[in-house]
């Protein structure tokens, strides 16, 4: 009986070892560059990391990322100056672009369309408008030099708070021993990604082996199942006003990128009445016959990013400043 038990343990170890090797060889696991909160309380990635992210049960979407010195996924460093024309795009995982090779990002596509323009993508999975407004305020010296600021707003999830508070607890959790084990044993990372480890997660007190800050596809699905009430619209608008009051809003060079199909008319009317510019890509997505998102989640695919890039480039070319801008 003892020998039988030893054999079971030994064969189990060998099987797990083989699976670990296969997961590594075929790169079935996804990499999540470490996060931190800097001295200005901006949450971002630790600079200098590069690797590959994987989406789906297999490497259905295999893309390379590169975290620059500013702590964001980009093909370039952020060096704003008065001598150049720069565009900053700020947003969540849609802007972070881990579903697309960093050298073929939305920002890179814009640069290919517009001559002599640098695009800085301040994208970070989990950012809401509070994160974005705080980032602009914290790095105000850089943003004063940047010519155009585009804030991507997912109305359904980005206006749930009216003031920014750094999430030190999340950073501590992602630096915990559980996550360190996950990052070093790729079979665990892969198993967590495809849901195999759900029973184990429950046994360890509900601690998730996966970073859950980017569950946008889940959140969106839940939100679309129910209509956002008028009370919630008013709460979101209240939060928006609070953020503008706290951090300011440079109306002359700041524009909100949004999809009006999932944005409250109350919010859009407020923007119209108060000279807050927004560009709506809803009709662009509706008019195309090709899919604009990945087949396994809601992030933009390459075609969707091309449409967004062209849409932003066309806006910059034909932009008209508000009357009160100098």
Protein backbone atom coordinates (compact mmCIF):
# COMPACT_ATOMS: atom_id res chain seq x y z
CA UNK A 1 0.00 0.00 0.00
CA UNK A 2 2.86 2.32 0.84
CA UNK A 3 4.57 1.63 -2.51
CA UNK A 4 1.28 2.19 -4.32
CA UNK A 5 0.86 5.57 -2.62
CA UNK A 6 4.44 6.55 -3.47
CA UNK A 7 3.85 5.61 -7.12
CA UNK A 8 0.69 7.73 -7.26
CA UNK A 9 2.55 10.72 -5.84
CA UNK A 10 5.49 10.17 -8.21
CA UNK A 11 3.35 9.76 -11.32
CA UNK A 12 1.24 12.76 -10.35
CA UNK A 13 4.40 14.82 -10.00
CA UNK A 14 5.63 13.65 -13.41
CA UNK A 15 2.31 14.45 -15.07
CA UNK A 16 2.27 17.92 -13.53
CA UNK A 17 5.88 18.44 -14.58
CA UNK A 18 5.08 17.47 -18.18
CA UNK A 19 2.06 19.77 -18.19
CA UNK A 20 4.19 22.61 -16.80
CA UNK A 21 6.71 22.08 -19.61
CA UNK A 22 3.96 22.00 -22.26
CA UNK A 23 2.34 25.18 -20.94
CA UNK A 24 5.72 26.92 -21.05
CA UNK A 25 6.74 25.58 -24.46
CA UNK A 26 3.45 26.57 -26.13
CA UNK A 27 3.18 29.73 -24.00
CA UNK A 28 -0.39 29.02 -22.99
CA UNK A 29 -0.07 31.22 -19.91
CA UNK A 30 -0.49 34.97 -19.88
CA UNK A 31 1.97 37.40 -18.32
CA UNK A 32 0.83 40.30 -16.18
CA UNK A 33 3.56 42.92 -15.67
CA UNK A 34 3.74 44.01 -12.02
CA UNK A 35 1.90 47.07 -10.81
CA UNK A 36 2.76 49.73 -8.27
CA UNK A 37 1.64 53.11 -6.98
CA UNK A 38 4.23 55.85 -7.48
CA UNK A 39 5.10 58.80 -5.25
CA UNK A 40 2.27 60.84 -6.81
CA UNK A 41 -0.26 58.08 -6.02
CA UNK A 42 -0.63 57.10 -9.68
CA UNK A 43 -1.20 53.38 -10.16
CA UNK A 44 0.66 51.95 -13.14
CA UNK A 45 3.03 49.19 -14.31
CA UNK A 46 6.60 48.75 -13.15
CA UNK A 47 8.78 50.12 -15.99
CA UNK A 48 11.07 47.93 -18.05
CA UNK A 49 8.91 44.81 -18.32
CA UNK A 50 8.11 43.12 -21.62
CA UNK A 51 6.50 39.83 -22.54
CA UNK A 52 3.33 38.33 -23.98
CA UNK A 53 -0.31 38.23 -23.02
CA UNK A 54 -2.56 35.35 -23.99
CA UNK A 55 -6.34 35.36 -24.26
CA UNK A 56 -8.57 32.30 -24.52
CA UNK A 57 -8.12 28.63 -23.56
CA UNK A 58 -5.26 28.41 -26.03
CA UNK A 59 -3.12 31.20 -27.36
CA UNK A 60 -6.03 32.44 -29.48
CA UNK A 61 -4.75 35.97 -29.08
CA UNK A 62 -1.01 36.18 -28.54
CA UNK A 63 0.36 39.70 -28.29
CA UNK A 64 3.56 41.35 -27.12
CA UNK A 65 3.68 44.17 -24.57
CA UNK A 66 6.40 46.65 -23.62
CA UNK A 67 6.23 48.78 -20.48
CA UNK A 68 8.08 52.04 -21.03
CA UNK A 69 9.84 54.26 -18.49
CA UNK A 70 6.55 56.02 -17.68
CA UNK A 71 4.97 52.69 -16.65
CA UNK A 72 2.60 52.21 -19.60
CA UNK A 73 2.43 49.80 -22.54
CA UNK A 74 3.83 51.67 -25.53
CA UNK A 75 6.22 51.51 -28.47
CA UNK A 76 7.71 54.86 -27.45
CA UNK A 77 8.85 56.82 -24.44
CA UNK A 78 6.79 59.85 -23.37
CA UNK A 79 8.84 62.99 -23.96
CA UNK A 80 6.43 65.93 -24.39
CA UNK A 81 7.83 69.26 -25.50
CA UNK A 82 6.68 72.52 -27.03
CA UNK A 83 8.51 71.71 -30.26
CA UNK A 84 6.33 68.69 -31.15
CA UNK A 85 2.64 67.91 -31.52
CA UNK A 86 1.62 65.23 -29.04
CA UNK A 87 -1.64 63.43 -28.36
CA UNK A 88 -2.29 61.69 -25.05
CA UNK A 89 -4.90 58.93 -24.97
CA UNK A 90 -5.91 57.94 -21.44
CA UNK A 91 -8.07 54.96 -20.56
CA UNK A 92 -8.49 51.44 -19.27
CA UNK A 93 -7.52 48.10 -20.81
CA UNK A 94 -8.95 49.17 -24.18
CA UNK A 95 -6.22 51.82 -24.33
CA UNK A 96 -3.58 49.72 -22.57
CA UNK A 97 -3.88 47.41 -25.55
CA UNK A 98 -2.60 44.10 -24.21
CA UNK A 99 -4.77 42.42 -26.86
CA UNK A 100 -2.64 43.88 -29.65
CA UNK A 101 1.12 43.92 -30.23
CA UNK A 102 2.48 47.11 -28.69
CA UNK A 103 4.15 48.10 -31.97
CA UNK A 104 0.77 47.93 -33.75
CA UNK A 105 -1.32 49.69 -31.11
CA UNK A 106 -4.08 52.23 -31.63
CA UNK A 107 -1.59 55.02 -30.96
CA UNK A 108 0.86 53.63 -33.50
CA UNK A 109 -1.92 53.44 -36.08
CA UNK A 110 -2.76 57.10 -35.44
CA UNK A 111 0.88 58.06 -35.94
CA UNK A 112 0.89 56.29 -39.30
CA UNK A 113 -2.09 58.38 -40.43
CA UNK A 114 -0.93 61.74 -39.05
CA UNK A 115 2.49 63.08 -40.00
CA UNK A 116 4.93 64.24 -37.30
CA UNK A 117 2.60 63.39 -34.41
CA UNK A 118 3.53 61.46 -31.27
CA UNK A 119 0.81 59.53 -29.46
CA UNK A 120 1.21 58.69 -25.78
CA UNK A 121 -1.05 55.88 -24.57
CA UNK A 122 -1.69 56.14 -20.84
CA UNK A 123 -3.65 52.91 -20.65
CA UNK A 124 -4.06 50.77 -17.54
CA UNK A 125 -6.44 47.88 -16.89
CA UNK A 126 -8.92 48.93 -14.24
CA UNK A 127 -8.68 52.71 -14.72
CA UNK A 128 -11.89 54.66 -14.29
CA UNK A 129 -12.39 58.38 -14.80
CA UNK A 130 -11.15 59.13 -11.26
CA UNK A 131 -7.85 57.40 -12.06
CA UNK A 132 -7.59 59.25 -15.34
CA UNK A 133 -8.34 62.71 -13.95
CA UNK A 134 -5.93 62.17 -11.06
CA UNK A 135 -3.21 61.08 -13.50
CA UNK A 136 -3.59 64.28 -15.55
CA UNK A 137 -3.48 66.37 -12.37
CA UNK A 138 -0.49 64.47 -10.92
CA UNK A 139 1.54 64.82 -14.14
CA UNK A 140 0.28 68.31 -14.92
CA UNK A 141 3.68 69.57 -16.07
CA UNK A 142 3.77 66.92 -18.81
CA UNK A 143 0.13 67.41 -19.77
CA UNK A 144 0.60 71.16 -20.06
CA UNK A 145 3.04 70.42 -22.89
CA UNK A 146 0.82 67.84 -24.60
CA UNK A 147 -1.33 69.39 -27.33
CA UNK A 148 -4.39 67.13 -27.26
CA UNK A 149 -5.75 65.00 -24.42
CA UNK A 150 -8.25 62.26 -25.28
CA UNK A 151 -9.98 60.51 -22.38
CA UNK A 152 -11.68 57.21 -23.21
CA UNK A 153 -14.87 56.96 -21.16
CA UNK A 154 -16.81 53.75 -20.70
CA UNK A 155 -19.88 55.44 -19.21
CA UNK A 156 -21.29 52.22 -17.74
CA UNK A 157 -18.33 51.59 -15.43
CA UNK A 158 -16.09 54.67 -15.25
CA UNK A 159 -18.20 57.10 -13.20
CA UNK A 160 -18.90 55.10 -10.07
CA UNK A 161 -16.91 57.44 -7.78
CA UNK A 162 -16.41 61.18 -7.53
CA UNK A 163 -12.97 61.21 -5.95
CA UNK A 164 -9.76 59.23 -6.46
CA UNK A 165 -8.30 57.04 -3.74
CA UNK A 166 -5.23 54.88 -4.47
CA UNK A 167 -5.93 51.18 -4.04
CA UNK A 168 -2.96 50.09 -1.93
CA UNK A 169 -4.85 46.94 -0.90
CA UNK A 170 -5.00 45.68 -4.47
CA UNK A 171 -1.29 46.27 -4.98
CA UNK A 172 -0.54 44.41 -1.74
CA UNK A 173 -2.74 41.50 -2.84
CA UNK A 174 -1.01 41.26 -6.21
CA UNK A 175 2.34 41.18 -4.41
CA UNK A 176 1.22 38.44 -2.01
CA UNK A 177 2.73 34.96 -1.83
CA UNK A 178 -0.26 33.44 -3.61
CA UNK A 179 0.30 35.60 -6.68
CA UNK A 180 4.05 35.07 -6.57
CA UNK A 181 3.46 31.32 -6.67
CA UNK A 182 1.05 31.78 -9.57
CA UNK A 183 3.56 33.86 -11.52
CA UNK A 184 6.33 31.27 -11.13
CA UNK A 185 4.29 28.12 -11.75
CA UNK A 186 2.87 28.66 -15.23
CA UNK A 187 0.52 25.70 -14.98
CA UNK A 188 -1.22 27.49 -12.12
CA UNK A 189 -1.45 30.68 -14.16
CA UNK A 190 -2.96 28.78 -17.08
CA UNK A 191 -5.30 26.76 -14.86
CA UNK A 192 -6.54 29.93 -13.21
CA UNK A 193 -7.13 31.57 -16.59
CA UNK A 194 -9.36 28.75 -17.85
CA UNK A 195 -11.22 28.27 -14.56
CA UNK A 196 -9.78 24.89 -13.53
CA UNK A 197 -8.65 26.21 -10.15
CA UNK A 198 -12.01 27.54 -8.99
CA UNK A 199 -12.42 24.87 -6.25
CA UNK A 200 -8.90 25.60 -4.95
CA UNK A 201 -9.59 29.33 -4.90
CA UNK A 202 -12.60 28.72 -2.68
CA UNK A 203 -10.55 26.55 -0.34
CA UNK A 204 -8.04 29.34 0.25
CA UNK A 205 -10.73 31.71 1.36
CA UNK A 206 -11.80 33.08 -1.97
CA UNK A 207 -8.37 34.49 -2.84
CA UNK A 208 -8.19 34.66 -6.60
CA UNK A 209 -5.09 33.50 -8.45
CA UNK A 210 -6.03 35.82 -11.29
CA UNK A 211 -5.89 39.60 -11.36
CA UNK A 212 -9.56 40.60 -11.41
CA UNK A 213 -9.08 44.31 -12.07
CA UNK A 214 -9.84 43.87 -15.75
CA UNK A 215 -13.12 41.94 -15.76
CA UNK A 216 -14.55 44.39 -18.28
CA UNK A 217 -16.20 41.79 -20.44
CA UNK A 218 -18.01 40.36 -17.41
CA UNK A 219 -18.98 43.79 -16.12
CA UNK A 220 -20.24 44.90 -19.51
CA UNK A 221 -22.33 41.76 -19.91
CA UNK A 222 -23.99 42.30 -16.56
CA UNK A 223 -24.66 45.97 -17.21
CA UNK A 224 -26.17 45.36 -20.61
CA UNK A 225 -28.67 42.96 -19.04
CA UNK A 226 -30.28 45.82 -17.13
CA UNK A 227 -31.06 49.43 -17.96
CA UNK A 228 -29.20 52.12 -16.08
CA UNK A 229 -31.78 54.03 -14.05
CA UNK A 230 -32.26 57.76 -14.04
CA UNK A 231 -31.07 57.85 -10.43
CA UNK A 232 -27.82 56.17 -11.44
CA UNK A 233 -27.41 58.59 -14.35
CA UNK A 234 -27.76 61.48 -11.93
CA UNK A 235 -25.26 59.88 -9.57
CA UNK A 236 -22.78 59.43 -12.42
CA UNK A 237 -23.21 63.04 -13.48
CA UNK A 238 -22.70 64.15 -9.88
CA UNK A 239 -19.46 62.15 -9.76
CA UNK A 240 -18.31 63.68 -13.05
CA UNK A 241 -18.92 67.20 -11.73
CA UNK A 242 -17.04 66.33 -8.56
CA UNK A 243 -14.01 65.10 -10.50
CA UNK A 244 -13.97 68.19 -12.72
CA UNK A 245 -14.18 70.42 -9.64
CA UNK A 246 -11.34 68.55 -7.90
CA UNK A 247 -8.93 68.17 -10.80
CA UNK A 248 -10.03 70.72 -13.38
CA UNK A 249 -10.79 70.10 -17.04
CA UNK A 250 -8.86 71.86 -19.81
CA UNK A 251 -11.77 72.26 -22.21
CA UNK A 252 -9.67 73.77 -24.99
CA UNK A 253 -7.56 70.66 -25.52
CA UNK A 254 -9.37 67.83 -23.75
CA UNK A 255 -11.95 65.65 -25.47
CA UNK A 256 -13.84 62.58 -24.31
CA UNK A 257 -13.91 59.49 -26.54
CA UNK A 258 -17.15 57.58 -26.06
CA UNK A 259 -19.83 55.34 -27.52
CA UNK A 260 -23.20 57.11 -27.36
CA UNK A 261 -25.04 53.79 -27.63
CA UNK A 262 -24.16 53.11 -24.00
CA UNK A 263 -23.89 56.68 -22.71
CA UNK A 264 -26.67 58.54 -20.96
CA UNK A 265 -28.36 61.39 -22.84
CA UNK A 266 -28.32 63.29 -19.55
CA UNK A 267 -24.52 63.16 -19.55
CA UNK A 268 -24.22 64.06 -23.24
CA UNK A 269 -26.58 67.02 -22.81
CA UNK A 270 -24.53 68.26 -19.87
CA UNK A 271 -21.37 68.12 -21.98
CA UNK A 272 -23.09 70.02 -24.81
CA UNK A 273 -24.39 72.70 -22.45
CA UNK A 274 -21.02 73.20 -20.74
CA UNK A 275 -18.63 73.21 -23.67
CA UNK A 276 -17.12 69.81 -22.92
CA UNK A 277 -16.04 68.23 -26.18
CA UNK A 278 -16.65 64.57 -26.94
CA UNK A 279 -16.25 62.42 -30.01
CA UNK A 280 -18.68 59.59 -30.55
CA UNK A 281 -17.49 56.51 -32.45
CA UNK A 282 -20.86 54.72 -32.28
CA UNK A 283 -21.79 55.36 -35.93
CA UNK A 284 -18.32 54.26 -37.06
CA UNK A 285 -18.73 50.89 -35.38
CA UNK A 286 -22.32 50.54 -36.54
CA UNK A 287 -21.51 51.21 -40.19
CA UNK A 288 -18.85 48.52 -40.57
CA UNK A 289 -19.79 45.01 -41.67
CA UNK A 290 -16.78 43.42 -39.95
CA UNK A 291 -16.57 42.53 -36.24
CA UNK A 292 -14.89 45.25 -34.16
CA UNK A 293 -14.24 43.17 -31.03
CA UNK A 294 -12.48 39.91 -30.30
CA UNK A 295 -14.62 36.81 -30.53
CA UNK A 296 -13.89 35.75 -26.92
CA UNK A 297 -14.21 39.07 -25.09
CA UNK A 298 -15.31 42.69 -25.61
CA UNK A 299 -11.96 44.33 -26.34
CA UNK A 300 -11.40 45.88 -29.74
CA UNK A 301 -9.80 43.66 -32.35
CA UNK A 302 -7.36 44.94 -34.97
CA UNK A 303 -10.19 46.19 -37.19
CA UNK A 304 -11.82 47.98 -34.28
CA UNK A 305 -8.53 49.66 -33.38
CA UNK A 306 -8.02 50.73 -36.98
CA UNK A 307 -11.45 52.36 -36.98
CA UNK A 308 -10.77 54.12 -33.67
CA UNK A 309 -7.37 55.31 -34.94
CA UNK A 310 -8.86 56.67 -38.16
CA UNK A 311 -11.71 58.29 -36.22
CA UNK A 312 -9.32 60.09 -33.87
CA UNK A 313 -7.03 61.12 -36.73
CA UNK A 314 -9.97 62.56 -38.69
CA UNK A 315 -11.08 64.48 -35.60
CA UNK A 316 -7.62 65.99 -35.10
CA UNK A 317 -7.46 67.02 -38.76
CA UNK A 318 -10.84 68.77 -38.73
CA UNK A 319 -11.02 69.86 -35.09
CA UNK A 320 -12.71 73.14 -34.27
CA UNK A 321 -11.91 74.68 -30.89
CA UNK A 322 -14.71 75.95 -28.65
CA UNK A 323 -15.51 79.62 -29.02
CA UNK A 324 -13.96 80.54 -25.64
CA UNK A 325 -10.58 78.99 -26.53
CA UNK A 326 -7.69 81.23 -27.49
